[in-house]
Protein backbone atom coordinates (compact mmCIF):
# COMPACT_ATOMS: atom_id res chain seq x y z
CA MET A 1 -22.76 70.62 71.04
CA ASN A 2 -25.42 67.90 71.84
CA GLY A 3 -25.64 64.83 69.31
CA PRO A 4 -23.46 63.24 66.75
CA THR A 5 -20.65 65.15 65.31
CA HIS A 6 -20.57 66.29 61.92
CA HIS A 7 -18.49 63.39 60.70
CA GLN A 8 -20.75 60.94 62.74
CA VAL A 9 -24.08 62.23 60.94
CA ARG A 10 -22.25 61.88 57.59
CA ASP A 11 -20.79 58.46 58.60
CA ASN A 12 -24.46 57.28 59.70
CA LEU A 13 -25.88 58.40 56.44
CA LEU A 14 -23.24 56.55 54.62
CA TRP A 15 -23.59 53.44 56.84
CA LEU A 16 -27.18 53.48 55.94
CA ALA A 17 -26.79 52.82 52.24
CA ALA A 18 -23.96 50.54 52.83
CA ASP A 19 -26.28 48.38 55.04
CA PHE A 20 -29.03 48.49 52.80
CA ARG A 21 -26.86 47.17 49.92
CA ALA A 22 -25.57 44.43 52.24
CA ILE A 23 -29.13 43.41 53.08
CA ILE A 24 -30.14 43.26 49.56
CA GLU A 25 -27.06 41.39 48.32
CA SER A 26 -27.57 38.67 51.17
CA ALA A 27 -31.19 38.35 51.09
CA ASN A 28 -32.64 35.10 50.14
CA ALA A 29 -34.96 35.88 47.03
CA HIS A 30 -37.84 33.97 48.35
CA GLU A 31 -37.79 35.59 51.73
CA LEU A 32 -38.24 38.99 50.14
CA ASP A 33 -42.00 38.37 49.90
CA PHE A 34 -42.31 37.12 53.30
CA PRO A 35 -44.31 39.30 55.97
CA SER A 36 -42.25 41.71 57.99
CA ALA A 37 -42.66 41.96 61.55
CA GLY A 38 -45.19 44.57 62.87
CA THR A 39 -46.01 46.01 59.51
CA ARG A 40 -48.30 45.05 56.99
CA TRP A 41 -45.60 45.34 54.24
CA THR A 42 -43.70 42.37 52.88
CA ASN A 43 -39.69 42.55 53.55
CA ARG A 44 -39.68 43.76 49.67
CA GLN A 45 -41.96 46.38 50.40
CA LEU A 46 -40.35 47.49 53.60
CA LEU A 47 -37.09 47.69 51.90
CA PHE A 48 -38.56 50.13 49.47
CA HIS A 49 -40.01 52.22 52.48
CA LEU A 50 -36.35 52.28 53.73
CA VAL A 51 -35.43 53.79 50.44
CA LEU A 52 -38.50 56.19 50.66
CA GLY A 53 -37.34 57.39 54.04
CA GLN A 54 -33.90 58.39 52.52
CA ASN A 55 -35.87 60.38 50.03
CA VAL A 56 -37.87 62.00 52.75
CA ALA A 57 -34.37 63.35 54.09
CA LEU A 58 -33.46 64.62 50.77
CA SER A 59 -36.50 66.51 50.45
CA GLY A 60 -35.79 68.16 53.76
CA ILE A 61 -32.79 70.05 52.21
CA PRO A 62 -34.91 72.51 50.03
CA LEU A 63 -38.10 72.31 52.21
CA CYS A 64 -36.44 73.49 55.32
CA GLY A 65 -34.40 75.97 53.31
CA LEU A 66 -37.74 77.52 51.71
CA PHE A 67 -39.75 77.51 55.06
CA SER A 68 -36.93 79.08 56.94
CA ARG A 69 -37.07 82.04 54.91
CA LEU A 70 -40.77 82.51 55.20
CA PRO A 71 -42.52 84.06 58.28
CA PRO A 72 -42.59 81.27 60.82
CA SER A 73 -46.54 81.22 60.83
CA VAL A 74 -46.28 80.01 57.23
CA ALA A 75 -44.54 76.77 58.40
CA ARG A 76 -46.64 76.13 61.47
CA ASN A 77 -49.73 76.46 59.16
CA TRP A 78 -48.23 74.24 56.56
CA SER A 79 -47.57 71.69 59.38
CA ARG A 80 -51.10 71.96 60.70
CA LEU A 81 -52.62 71.50 57.21
CA LEU A 82 -50.23 68.26 56.96
CA ASP A 83 -50.96 67.07 60.54
CA ALA A 84 -54.72 67.21 59.49
CA CYS A 85 -53.89 65.01 56.55
CA ALA A 86 -52.35 62.21 58.66
CA GLY A 87 -54.93 59.86 57.72
CA PRO A 88 -54.41 60.04 53.87
CA TYR A 89 -50.82 60.51 54.33
CA ASN A 90 -50.47 57.06 56.41
CA TRP A 91 -52.48 55.59 53.62
CA VAL A 92 -50.38 56.87 50.60
CA ASN A 93 -47.37 55.98 52.65
CA TRP A 94 -48.67 52.51 52.92
CA VAL A 95 -49.84 52.04 49.41
CA GLY A 96 -46.94 53.59 47.67
CA SER A 97 -44.52 51.43 49.50
CA ALA A 98 -46.69 48.37 48.86
CA ALA A 99 -46.88 49.16 45.19
CA ALA A 100 -43.37 50.14 44.42
CA GLY A 101 -42.09 47.23 46.48
CA ARG A 102 -43.90 44.93 44.27
CA VAL A 103 -42.64 46.72 41.11
CA LEU A 104 -39.26 47.67 41.69
CA LYS A 105 -36.43 44.95 41.71
CA PRO A 106 -34.09 45.28 44.71
CA GLN A 107 -31.21 46.07 42.73
CA ALA A 108 -33.13 49.43 41.49
CA MET A 109 -33.85 49.96 45.14
CA VAL A 110 -30.07 49.75 45.75
CA ARG A 111 -29.28 52.33 43.05
CA MET A 112 -31.90 54.61 44.41
CA MET A 113 -30.76 54.48 47.84
CA ASP A 114 -27.04 54.99 46.62
CA ARG A 115 -28.05 57.71 44.47
CA THR A 116 -30.18 59.61 47.01
CA THR A 117 -27.53 58.96 49.79
CA GLY A 118 -24.75 60.32 47.51
CA THR A 119 -26.88 63.58 46.82
CA ILE A 120 -27.44 64.10 50.52
CA VAL A 121 -23.95 63.48 51.70
CA GLY A 122 -22.49 65.79 48.74
CA TRP A 123 -24.71 68.50 49.81
CA TYR A 124 -23.89 67.79 53.54
CA ASP A 125 -20.01 68.07 52.82
CA ARG A 126 -20.45 71.25 50.99
CA THR A 127 -22.76 73.07 53.33
CA ASP A 128 -21.93 75.22 56.40
CA GLY A 129 -23.65 75.42 59.88
CA GLU A 130 -25.96 78.37 58.94
CA ALA A 131 -27.47 76.22 56.37
CA LEU A 132 -27.83 73.18 58.42
CA ARG A 133 -29.62 75.45 61.10
CA ARG A 134 -32.31 76.29 58.62
CA GLY A 135 -35.49 74.53 59.72
CA MET A 136 -39.20 74.49 59.99
CA THR A 137 -42.25 73.16 61.83
CA ILE A 138 -42.92 69.68 61.04
CA PRO A 139 -46.01 67.43 61.59
CA ALA A 140 -44.70 65.30 64.53
CA SER A 141 -47.45 62.93 64.27
CA TRP A 142 -46.25 61.62 61.02
CA ASP A 143 -43.27 59.78 62.49
CA PRO A 144 -42.18 58.80 66.03
CA TYR A 145 -38.74 60.58 65.39
CA PHE A 146 -40.06 63.61 64.04
CA THR A 147 -40.15 66.76 66.57
CA SER A 148 -42.22 69.75 66.12
CA TRP A 149 -39.56 71.81 64.95
CA MET A 150 -36.61 70.34 62.92
CA ASP A 151 -33.53 71.86 61.17
CA ARG A 152 -31.97 70.07 58.20
CA ARG A 153 -29.45 68.47 60.75
CA ASP A 154 -32.15 67.06 62.69
CA ILE A 155 -33.46 65.63 59.26
CA PHE A 156 -30.20 63.99 58.43
CA GLU A 157 -30.11 62.58 62.04
CA TRP A 158 -33.76 61.43 61.75
CA ALA A 159 -32.85 59.13 58.54
CA PRO A 160 -30.75 56.64 60.36
CA LYS A 161 -33.37 56.42 63.22
CA HIS A 162 -36.18 55.75 60.68
CA TYR A 163 -33.90 53.30 59.08
CA ARG A 164 -32.97 51.35 62.16
CA HIS A 165 -36.43 51.25 63.27
CA HIS A 166 -37.91 49.64 60.25
CA ARG A 167 -34.67 47.40 59.51
CA ALA A 168 -35.48 45.72 62.86
CA GLN A 169 -38.76 44.76 61.28
CA LEU A 170 -37.37 42.67 58.26
CA THR A 171 -37.69 38.90 58.71
CA LEU A 172 -34.83 37.98 56.52
CA THR A 173 -32.69 35.13 57.89
CA THR A 174 -29.64 36.59 56.33
CA LEU A 175 -29.99 39.94 57.92
CA PRO A 176 -26.43 41.33 58.32
CA SER A 177 -25.64 42.03 62.14
């Protein structure tokens, strides 16, 4: 079997939430509104985007389950439609994180991250290999770590990659090692 073991996937998801909490708890409040590196978001807005990424992973559970039960052409056509909407998606992704990052307090983001991660890990602990292999065609252009076809396990392996990518863009001087 290639890739992380079942326990490593689970541990990576739990690490993500624990690291997020450590970042929030150690952050200097005035630095939250500093620009991040390589994005148009502030640190606060990018932190919300990290929470949003975990919610994307959570949404992969039912989506992959649904589309895996339909004819493959349905998922391919859905993916093509989403791919065609990449421009509006990118705008909504940016604006949504920018707006939510301004409105939500950091502790609310921690609660969202903890709740979402708990739901994902709880499902992951109860599931079997067959359920994890349910997947669908994905618009790979939406994220550098997406591939054209992903199953649920791939989505759960994607979440820490997305997180680490954007974590590296935070410009907080108190960022835990």
